[in-house]
């Protein structure tokens, strides 16, 4: 089973995050952005990438590429997740300042499987919803599917 996580953040929200920093390279005493741009967020390296082609069919509101940024955690883009360690890292990110912001999503894309939508409203417990979605969608190898949790 191959799957990946994707954070879909409104650009304004992305710019509000104080605990994320761009990883740059140094050359001749000057610093430059990498291409694609990479960021460090709570100890996890992310790269910016294109939105998945199916995003309009699963995003709860009209997705406009010019308004959003897609971040792919380096540890699981197109590879298997090994153990719960990486899930705990994502839980740490979800319990940070992003949990107080709206209009963003996290997607678990299980390659060639359906994606179940979840909406997280202001008073909902985001971390509890994430844990529940992980358990439900990855619990048995017979019924594995992806999910999107949209925070509104």
Protein backbone atom coordinates (compact mmCIF):
# COMPACT_ATOMS: atom_id res chain seq x y z
CA UNK A 1 0.00 0.00 0.00
CA UNK A 2 1.40 3.34 -1.02
CA UNK A 3 0.14 6.62 0.41
CA UNK A 4 1.13 10.17 1.20
CA UNK A 5 -0.02 13.09 3.29
CA UNK A 6 -0.65 16.52 1.82
CA UNK A 7 -1.28 19.75 3.71
CA UNK A 8 -3.36 22.19 1.67
CA UNK A 9 -3.02 25.65 3.20
CA UNK A 10 -4.50 28.94 2.14
CA UNK A 11 -1.54 31.20 1.30
CA UNK A 12 -2.57 33.77 3.93
CA UNK A 13 -2.57 31.05 6.59
CA UNK A 14 0.75 29.70 5.38
CA UNK A 15 2.25 33.17 5.84
CA UNK A 16 0.78 33.42 9.39
CA UNK A 17 2.53 30.30 10.66
CA UNK A 18 5.36 31.30 12.96
CA UNK A 19 6.77 27.82 13.52
CA UNK A 20 7.66 27.08 9.90
CA UNK A 21 10.86 28.23 8.21
CA UNK A 22 12.16 28.04 4.69
CA UNK A 23 15.23 25.86 4.11
CA UNK A 24 17.70 27.73 1.94
CA UNK A 25 21.05 26.88 0.44
CA UNK A 26 24.18 28.96 0.83
CA UNK A 27 26.39 29.75 -2.12
CA UNK A 28 29.24 32.25 -2.09
CA UNK A 29 28.01 33.71 1.19
CA UNK A 30 24.46 34.33 -0.06
CA UNK A 31 21.31 32.35 0.69
CA UNK A 32 18.92 31.16 -1.99
CA UNK A 33 15.59 29.31 -2.02
CA UNK A 34 15.58 25.72 -3.21
CA UNK A 35 13.44 24.66 -6.14
CA UNK A 36 10.98 23.37 -5.24
CA UNK A 37 10.92 25.38 -2.04
CA UNK A 38 11.41 23.38 1.16
CA UNK A 39 10.34 24.18 4.69
CA UNK A 40 10.99 22.86 8.16
CA UNK A 41 7.87 22.60 10.32
CA UNK A 42 8.04 21.02 13.78
CA UNK A 43 11.12 19.04 12.73
CA UNK A 44 9.56 17.73 9.51
CA UNK A 45 10.88 18.75 6.11
CA UNK A 46 8.16 19.70 3.61
CA UNK A 47 8.38 20.51 -0.05
CA UNK A 48 5.90 22.60 -1.99
CA UNK A 49 4.25 20.74 -4.81
CA UNK A 50 1.37 20.89 -7.23
CA UNK A 51 -2.13 20.10 -6.04
CA UNK A 52 -3.37 16.62 -6.89
CA UNK A 53 -5.50 16.58 -10.04
CA UNK A 54 -8.55 15.35 -8.09
CA UNK A 55 -8.52 18.22 -5.56
CA UNK A 56 -11.59 19.98 -6.99
CA UNK A 57 -13.68 16.85 -6.56
CA UNK A 58 -12.85 16.47 -2.83
CA UNK A 59 -12.24 20.02 -1.57
CA UNK A 60 -15.31 21.32 0.30
CA UNK A 61 -15.17 24.73 -1.38
CA UNK A 62 -13.97 25.87 -4.78
CA UNK A 63 -10.25 25.23 -4.91
CA UNK A 64 -8.27 27.98 -6.63
CA UNK A 65 -4.63 27.05 -7.09
CA UNK A 66 -3.54 30.68 -6.83
CA UNK A 67 -4.96 30.86 -3.28
CA UNK A 68 -3.45 27.69 -1.79
CA UNK A 69 -0.11 26.01 -1.14
CA UNK A 70 0.33 22.22 -1.07
CA UNK A 71 2.99 20.92 1.31
CA UNK A 72 4.22 17.34 1.09
CA UNK A 73 6.06 15.89 4.09
CA UNK A 74 9.37 14.57 2.87
CA UNK A 75 9.16 11.41 4.92
CA UNK A 76 6.26 9.86 3.06
CA UNK A 77 5.89 11.22 -0.44
CA UNK A 78 5.30 8.11 -2.54
CA UNK A 79 6.72 5.68 0.05
CA UNK A 80 5.28 3.55 2.82
CA UNK A 81 4.85 4.89 6.34
CA UNK A 82 6.70 2.72 8.80
CA UNK A 83 5.16 2.53 12.27
CA UNK A 84 3.36 5.21 14.22
CA UNK A 85 6.33 7.57 14.64
CA UNK A 86 5.44 9.68 11.60
CA UNK A 87 1.78 9.78 12.60
CA UNK A 88 2.83 11.21 15.99
CA UNK A 89 4.87 13.88 14.21
CA UNK A 90 1.79 14.91 12.22
CA UNK A 91 -0.23 14.94 15.45
CA UNK A 92 2.31 17.37 16.90
CA UNK A 93 1.87 19.65 13.88
CA UNK A 94 -1.92 19.42 14.09
CA UNK A 95 -1.88 20.37 17.76
CA UNK A 96 0.23 23.50 17.09
CA UNK A 97 -0.97 26.95 16.09
CA UNK A 98 -2.50 25.65 12.84
CA UNK A 99 -5.33 24.08 14.84
CA UNK A 100 -6.61 27.59 15.66
CA UNK A 101 -6.70 28.68 11.99
CA UNK A 102 -9.39 27.99 9.38
CA UNK A 103 -9.61 27.16 5.66
CA UNK A 104 -6.97 24.48 5.27
CA UNK A 105 -6.93 20.70 4.90
CA UNK A 106 -4.86 17.61 5.45
CA UNK A 107 -5.24 14.80 2.94
CA UNK A 108 -4.24 11.18 3.32
CA UNK A 109 -4.00 10.00 -0.28
CA UNK A 110 -3.98 6.22 -0.53
CA UNK A 111 -3.01 5.63 -4.13
CA UNK A 112 -5.96 4.41 -6.25
CA UNK A 113 -8.40 4.38 -3.32
CA UNK A 114 -11.41 6.54 -2.45
CA UNK A 115 -11.05 9.61 -0.23
CA UNK A 116 -13.55 10.09 2.60
CA UNK A 117 -14.31 13.73 3.44
CA UNK A 118 -14.44 15.05 7.03
CA UNK A 119 -15.22 18.60 8.11
CA UNK A 120 -13.70 20.03 11.30
CA UNK A 121 -15.69 22.97 12.66
CA UNK A 122 -14.39 25.54 15.13
CA UNK A 123 -15.52 23.65 18.24
CA UNK A 124 -14.47 20.20 17.00
CA UNK A 125 -11.38 18.49 18.33
CA UNK A 126 -9.07 18.38 15.29
CA UNK A 127 -6.61 15.90 16.79
CA UNK A 128 -9.40 13.54 17.84
CA UNK A 129 -10.91 13.70 14.33
CA UNK A 130 -7.48 13.00 12.77
CA UNK A 131 -6.85 10.02 15.09
CA UNK A 132 -10.31 8.65 14.37
CA UNK A 133 -9.83 9.02 10.60
CA UNK A 134 -6.42 7.29 10.77
CA UNK A 135 -7.87 4.37 12.75
CA UNK A 136 -10.95 4.04 10.56
CA UNK A 137 -9.22 4.40 7.19
CA UNK A 138 -6.03 2.43 7.88
CA UNK A 139 -7.30 -0.15 10.37
CA UNK A 140 -7.64 -3.18 8.14
CA UNK A 141 -5.84 -4.02 4.95
CA UNK A 142 -9.16 -5.08 3.38
CA UNK A 143 -10.83 -1.68 3.66
CA UNK A 144 -8.11 0.96 3.37
CA UNK A 145 -9.05 4.36 2.01
CA UNK A 146 -7.83 7.91 2.10
CA UNK A 147 -9.39 10.95 3.71
CA UNK A 148 -9.47 14.72 3.70
CA UNK A 149 -10.03 16.71 6.86
CA UNK A 150 -11.03 20.26 6.01
CA UNK A 151 -10.75 22.79 8.86
CA UNK A 152 -13.35 25.53 8.49
